[in-house]
C-alpha atoms as a PDB file:
ATOM      1  CA  MET A   1     121.491 177.074 109.251  1.00  0.00           C
ATOM      2  CA  SER A   2     118.085 175.462 108.852  1.00  0.00           C
ATOM      3  CA  GLU A   3     117.420 171.810 109.520  1.00  0.00           C
ATOM      4  CA  GLU A   4     116.845 171.382 105.783  1.00  0.00           C
ATOM      5  CA  GLN A   5     120.295 172.882 104.979  1.00  0.00           C
ATOM      6  CA  LYS A   6     121.962 170.412 107.567  1.00  0.00           C
ATOM      7  CA  THR A   7     120.636 167.305 105.802  1.00  0.00           C
ATOM      8  CA  ALA A   8     121.908 166.151 102.476  1.00  0.00           C
ATOM      9  CA  HIS A   9     118.698 164.126 101.790  1.00  0.00           C
ATOM     10  CA  THR A  10     115.505 165.452 100.202  1.00  0.00           C
ATOM     11  CA  PRO A  11     113.303 166.770 103.007  1.00  0.00           C
ATOM     12  CA  GLY A  12     110.180 164.868 103.970  1.00  0.00           C
ATOM     13  CA  PRO A  13     107.522 164.083 104.106  1.00  0.00           C
ATOM     14  CA  TRP A  14     107.895 161.267 101.653  1.00  0.00           C
ATOM     15  CA  SER A  15     104.890 159.082 100.526  1.00  0.00           C
ATOM     16  CA  VAL A  16     104.319 155.727  98.910  1.00  0.00           C
ATOM     17  CA  GLY A  17     103.366 155.794  95.213  1.00  0.00           C
ATOM     18  CA  TYR A  18     101.280 153.357  93.194  1.00  0.00           C
ATOM     19  CA  HIS A  19     101.270 149.804  94.599  1.00  0.00           C
ATOM     20  CA  GLY A  20     104.419 150.543  96.740  1.00  0.00           C
ATOM     21  CA  SER A  21     106.541 150.772  93.499  1.00  0.00           C
ATOM     22  CA  ASP A  22     107.955 154.199  94.123  1.00  0.00           C
ATOM     23  CA  ILE A  23     108.443 156.847  96.779  1.00  0.00           C
ATOM     24  CA  HIS A  24     107.209 160.428  96.210  1.00  0.00           C
ATOM     25  CA  CYS A  25     108.288 163.808  97.779  1.00  0.00           C
ATOM     26  CA  VAL A  26     106.917 167.300  97.650  1.00  0.00           C
ATOM     27  CA  ASN A  27     107.757 168.975  94.398  1.00  0.00           C
ATOM     28  CA  VAL A  28     108.867 172.367  95.655  1.00  0.00           C
ATOM     29  CA  LYS A  29     109.220 173.711  92.103  1.00  0.00           C
ATOM     30  CA  ILE A  30     105.773 173.274  90.755  1.00  0.00           C
ATOM     31  CA  GLY A  31     103.816 171.942  93.718  1.00  0.00           C
ATOM     32  CA  GLY A  32     102.263 168.478  94.082  1.00  0.00           C
ATOM     33  CA  THR A  33     104.457 165.484  94.300  1.00  0.00           C
ATOM     34  CA  ALA A  34     107.397 164.017  92.274  1.00  0.00           C
ATOM     35  CA  LYS A  35     108.860 160.659  92.151  1.00  0.00           C
ATOM     36  CA  LEU A  36     111.950 160.424  94.442  1.00  0.00           C
ATOM     37  CA  PHE A  37     112.926 156.857  93.690  1.00  0.00           C
ATOM     38  CA  ASP A  38     111.665 153.344  92.721  1.00  0.00           C
ATOM     39  CA  VAL A  39     111.312 150.597  95.175  1.00  0.00           C
ATOM     40  CA  ARG A  40     112.800 147.701  93.405  1.00  0.00           C
ATOM     41  CA  GLY A  41     112.312 144.009  94.241  1.00  0.00           C
ATOM     42  CA  TRP A  42     109.310 142.873  92.260  1.00  0.00           C
ATOM     43  CA  GLY A  43     111.383 140.516  90.045  1.00  0.00           C
ATOM     44  CA  TYR A  44     113.113 139.147  93.138  1.00  0.00           C
ATOM     45  CA  LEU A  45     109.902 138.690  94.998  1.00  0.00           C
ATOM     46  CA  THR A  46     107.819 137.079  92.140  1.00  0.00           C
ATOM     47  CA  GLY A  47     110.415 135.655  89.832  1.00  0.00           C
ATOM     48  CA  MET A  48     111.555 132.126  89.343  1.00  0.00           C
ATOM     49  CA  GLY A  49     115.193 132.791  88.372  1.00  0.00           C
ATOM     50  CA  HIS A  50     118.380 132.244  90.455  1.00  0.00           C
ATOM     51  CA  GLY A  51     117.913 133.800  93.824  1.00  0.00           C
ATOM     52  CA  ALA A  52     114.305 134.876  93.276  1.00  0.00           C
ATOM     53  CA  LEU A  53     111.718 133.960  95.827  1.00  0.00           C
ATOM     54  CA  GLY A  54     108.817 133.026  93.486  1.00  0.00           C
ATOM     55  CA  LEU A  55     106.203 134.252  95.882  1.00  0.00           C
ATOM     56  CA  PRO A  56     102.496 134.546  95.054  1.00  0.00           C
ATOM     57  CA  GLU A  57     101.465 137.965  93.859  1.00  0.00           C
ATOM     58  CA  ASP A  58      99.476 138.837  96.988  1.00  0.00           C
ATOM     59  CA  LYS A  59     102.451 138.055  99.284  1.00  0.00           C
ATOM     60  CA  ALA A  60     104.820 140.020  96.930  1.00  0.00           C
ATOM     61  CA  ILE A  61     102.492 143.068  97.050  1.00  0.00           C
ATOM     62  CA  GLU A  62     102.371 142.869 100.887  1.00  0.00           C
ATOM     63  CA  ILE A  63     106.183 142.881 101.037  1.00  0.00           C
ATOM     64  CA  GLN A  64     106.556 145.546  98.330  1.00  0.00           C
ATOM     65  CA  ASN A  65     104.189 147.902 100.218  1.00  0.00           C
ATOM     66  CA  ALA A  66     105.939 147.164 103.533  1.00  0.00           C
ATOM     67  CA  ASN A  67     109.318 147.997 102.006  1.00  0.00           C
ATOM     68  CA  ALA A  68     107.900 151.291 100.448  1.00  0.00           C
ATOM     69  CA  ARG A  69     106.293 152.255 103.755  1.00  0.00           C
ATOM     70  CA  LEU A  70     109.634 151.802 105.574  1.00  0.00           C
ATOM     71  CA  ALA A  71     111.537 153.833 102.973  1.00  0.00           C
ATOM     72  CA  ALA A  72     108.932 156.626 102.954  1.00  0.00           C
ATOM     73  CA  SER A  73     109.208 156.945 106.810  1.00  0.00           C
ATOM     74  CA  ALA A  74     113.025 157.482 106.624  1.00  0.00           C
ATOM     75  CA  PRO A  75     113.014 161.322 107.131  1.00  0.00           C
ATOM     76  CA  GLU A  76     110.628 161.005 110.093  1.00  0.00           C
ATOM     77  CA  LEU A  77     112.627 158.033 111.488  1.00  0.00           C
ATOM     78  CA  LEU A  78     115.798 160.038 111.264  1.00  0.00           C
ATOM     79  CA  ALA A  79     114.334 162.997 113.049  1.00  0.00           C
ATOM     80  CA  ALA A  80     112.849 160.772 115.764  1.00  0.00           C
ATOM     81  CA  ALA A  81     116.186 158.988 116.318  1.00  0.00           C
ATOM     82  CA  LYS A  82     118.004 162.267 116.652  1.00  0.00           C
ATOM     83  CA  LEU A  83     115.407 163.589 119.190  1.00  0.00           C
ATOM     84  CA  ALA A  84     115.503 160.386 121.134  1.00  0.00           C
ATOM     85  CA  LEU A  85     119.361 160.417 121.317  1.00  0.00           C
ATOM     86  CA  ASN A  86     119.452 164.035 122.418  1.00  0.00           C
ATOM     87  CA  THR A  87     116.710 163.354 125.068  1.00  0.00           C
ATOM     88  CA  ALA A  88     118.467 160.241 126.306  1.00  0.00           C
ATOM     89  CA  GLU A  89     121.927 161.951 126.507  1.00  0.00           C
ATOM     90  CA  ASP A  90     120.395 164.884 128.329  1.00  0.00           C
ATOM     91  CA  TRP A  91     118.531 162.636 130.746  1.00  0.00           C
ATOM     92  CA  ILE A  92     121.698 160.622 131.536  1.00  0.00           C
ATOM     93  CA  HIS A  93     123.712 163.781 132.233  1.00  0.00           C
ATOM     94  CA  ASP A  94     120.958 165.147 134.375  1.00  0.00           C
ATOM     95  CA  ARG A  95     120.651 162.065 136.511  1.00  0.00           C
ATOM     96  CA  LEU A  96     124.332 161.456 136.939  1.00  0.00           C
ATOM     97  CA  ASP A  97     124.764 161.309 140.765  1.00  0.00           C
ATOM     98  CA  GLY A  98     127.854 159.212 141.293  1.00  0.00           C
ATOM     99  CA  THR A  99     126.087 155.910 141.158  1.00  0.00           C
ATOM    100  CA  LEU A 100     126.231 155.642 137.363  1.00  0.00           C
ATOM    101  CA  SER A 101     129.044 155.234 135.022  1.00  0.00           C
ATOM    102  CA  LEU A 102     128.564 158.001 132.360  1.00  0.00           C
ATOM    103  CA  GLU A 103     130.615 155.991 129.913  1.00  0.00           C
ATOM    104  CA  SER A 104     128.595 152.847 130.116  1.00  0.00           C
ATOM    105  CA  GLU A 105     125.224 154.747 130.113  1.00  0.00           C
ATOM    106  CA  LEU A 106     126.264 156.714 126.975  1.00  0.00           C
ATOM    107  CA  ALA A 107     127.682 153.518 125.371  1.00  0.00           C
ATOM    108  CA  ASP A 108     124.225 151.943 125.455  1.00  0.00           C
ATOM    109  CA  LEU A 109     123.201 154.636 122.947  1.00  0.00           C
ATOM    110  CA  GLU A 110     125.859 153.739 120.400  1.00  0.00           C
ATOM    111  CA  PRO A 111     123.537 151.778 118.046  1.00  0.00           C
ATOM    112  CA  VAL A 112     121.403 154.942 117.773  1.00  0.00           C
ATOM    113  CA  ARG A 113     124.495 156.989 116.912  1.00  0.00           C
ATOM    114  CA  VAL A 114     125.581 154.534 114.473  1.00  0.00           C
ATOM    115  CA  ALA A 115     122.195 154.431 112.655  1.00  0.00           C
ATOM    116  CA  ILE A 116     122.040 158.240 112.460  1.00  0.00           C
ATOM    117  CA  ALA A 117     125.668 158.373 111.130  1.00  0.00           C
ATOM    118  CA  LYS A 118     124.666 155.792 108.463  1.00  0.00           C
ATOM    119  CA  ALA A 119     121.598 157.767 107.456  1.00  0.00           C
ATOM    120  CA  GLU A 120     123.629 160.962 107.195  1.00  0.00           C
ATOM    121  CA  GLY A 121     126.508 159.273 105.250  1.00  0.00           C
ATOM    122  CA  ARG A 122     129.093 159.570 107.989  1.00  0.00           C
ATOM    123  CA  SER A 123     129.825 155.886 108.385  1.00  0.00           C
END
């Protein structure tokens, strides 16, 4: 089974669309890119209603773009987290020489496992 078949999400890379308002992915059917999802929050960032922040436009654009960049990096972050977890677990097992507690060493990696499980819909 390929890596793409193991994941339930649209494969990367993802990219940021116009002014951070949406995220695009590769359009495997016709080439180019296609909108994957909208990055919502403009009304929350700039609005004056209940709960809105009422930020100036330049600050709202900065936040909107940062949110979009973070979302667009999700496939790469997930792959990097999996690699880091596997590398760390292998390293811990390799250096176990009786002076370490395997359980405590591996427990330190639990936040990484939780984040990966959340990204894969297993939490």
